[in-house]
Protein backbone atom coordinates (compact mmCIF):
# COMPACT_ATOMS: atom_id res chain seq x y z
CA MET A 1 10.78 8.67 4.63
CA ALA A 2 7.60 8.55 5.63
CA GLY A 3 4.58 6.09 4.71
CA PHE A 4 3.49 3.48 6.52
CA THR A 5 4.43 -0.95 6.54
CA LEU A 6 2.27 -3.43 6.44
CA SER A 7 2.92 -3.48 10.32
CA ASP A 8 1.54 -0.30 10.78
CA MET A 9 -1.82 -1.88 8.67
CA LYS A 10 -2.33 -4.57 11.17
CA LYS A 11 -1.57 -2.80 13.86
CA LEU A 12 -4.71 -0.58 13.47
CA GLN A 13 -6.62 -3.47 12.90
CA ARG A 14 -5.96 -5.08 15.83
CA SER A 15 -6.23 -1.47 17.83
CA LYS A 16 -9.33 0.25 19.05
CA LYS A 17 -8.65 3.47 17.06
CA ARG A 18 -10.02 3.99 13.44
CA VAL A 19 -7.68 6.12 12.19
CA ARG A 20 -4.09 6.99 12.11
CA LYS A 21 -2.21 9.67 10.17
CA GLN A 22 1.01 10.94 9.41
CA GLY A 23 0.26 14.51 8.44
CA LEU A 24 -2.17 15.73 5.60
CA ARG A 25 -0.77 13.35 2.98
CA ASP A 26 -0.67 9.22 4.63
CA VAL A 27 -3.95 8.39 5.94
CA LEU A 28 -4.97 4.65 7.22
CA THR A 29 -8.53 4.06 7.62
CA LYS A 30 -9.62 0.79 9.48
CA THR A 31 -12.85 -0.40 7.47
CA LYS A 32 -15.24 -3.28 7.91
CA LYS A 33 -13.22 -5.71 6.24
CA GLY A 34 -9.57 -4.31 7.02
CA VAL A 35 -7.70 -1.32 6.84
CA ARG A 36 -7.36 1.03 3.82
CA TYR A 37 -4.01 3.39 2.92
CA ASP A 38 -4.97 6.65 1.19
CA VAL A 39 -1.78 9.11 0.00
CA TRP A 40 -3.32 12.26 -0.77
CA GLY A 41 -6.97 10.92 -0.95
CA ASN A 42 -6.35 8.03 -3.17
CA THR A 43 -6.64 4.49 -1.95
CA ILE A 44 -2.96 2.70 -2.77
CA ALA A 45 -3.40 -0.05 -0.13
CA ILE A 46 -6.08 -2.37 0.97
CA TYR A 47 -5.29 -4.93 3.88
CA LYS A 48 -8.25 -7.66 4.55
CA PRO A 49 -6.92 -10.23 7.85
CA LYS A 50 -9.62 -12.30 7.20
CA THR A 51 -7.78 -13.69 3.81
CA LYS A 52 -4.48 -11.91 4.31
CA LYS A 53 -4.25 -10.56 1.27
CA LEU A 54 -3.10 -6.66 0.42
CA THR A 55 -3.85 -5.22 -2.61
CA VAL A 56 -2.01 -2.00 -4.02
CA SER A 57 -2.42 0.21 -6.86
CA ASP A 58 -0.88 2.89 -7.76
CA ALA A 59 -4.52 4.53 -8.13
CA GLY A 60 -3.61 5.95 -11.50
CA TRP A 61 -0.36 8.26 -10.34
CA ALA A 62 2.98 6.31 -11.27
CA THR A 63 5.01 9.07 -9.42
CA LYS A 64 7.70 8.36 -7.01
CA LEU A 65 5.59 9.38 -4.11
CA THR A 66 3.56 6.41 -5.03
CA LYS A 67 6.39 3.68 -5.92
CA ASP A 68 8.08 4.68 -2.67
CA ARG A 69 4.59 4.28 -0.32
CA LEU A 70 4.14 0.61 -2.25
CA ASN A 71 7.58 -0.75 -1.82
CA LYS A 72 7.25 0.27 1.61
CA LEU A 73 4.31 -2.49 1.76
CA LEU A 74 5.51 -4.77 -0.41
CA PRO A 75 8.04 -7.99 0.90
CA PRO A 76 10.95 -7.96 -0.98
CA LYS A 77 10.02 -10.23 -4.17
CA HIS A 78 6.90 -7.66 -4.88
CA THR A 79 8.65 -4.62 -4.58
CA ILE A 80 8.36 -2.04 -7.64
CA ARG A 81 11.21 -0.78 -9.29
CA GLN A 82 11.58 1.21 -12.67
CA ARG A 83 13.53 0.88 -15.84
CA LYS A 84 13.73 3.50 -18.95
CA PHE A 85 10.03 4.85 -17.00
CA ARG A 86 8.63 1.64 -17.40
CA TRP A 87 7.50 0.15 -14.15
CA TYR A 88 8.28 -3.76 -12.78
CA SER A 89 7.23 -5.96 -10.29
CA GLY A 90 9.20 -8.95 -9.99
CA LYS A 91 9.90 -9.89 -13.59
CA ARG A 92 6.91 -8.50 -14.71
CA ILE A 93 5.29 -5.27 -15.75
CA TRP A 94 3.34 -3.52 -13.70
CA LYS A 95 0.10 -3.32 -14.46
CA GLY A 96 -1.56 -0.76 -11.53
CA LYS A 97 -2.38 -3.38 -9.20
CA LYS A 98 -1.77 -6.61 -7.45
CA THR A 99 -2.64 -8.69 -4.67
CA ILE A 100 -0.94 -10.88 -3.17
CA LYS A 101 -1.16 -13.42 0.29
CA VAL A 102 1.14 -11.80 3.12
């Protein structure tokens, strides 16, 4: 399975590179405030090292690909599951966006 992890985002933040790509679909970009993760041009995650916060979003695309990419980034207790066509993070219904301390 392709995609980046939170560890990959932290490594890019510390490196001199500005961009890291996996094919045409997955792109990590270093910004002034942190690292942005885009899938097909849609931002699904932003990591801010100063606050140690990770903001994840489905960017309006509730697909298996998006869920797989988000789950690679999220700690186990925050992973996204699907039941009866509805997404859940922990015991709560997924609202499309979430910020956690990492």
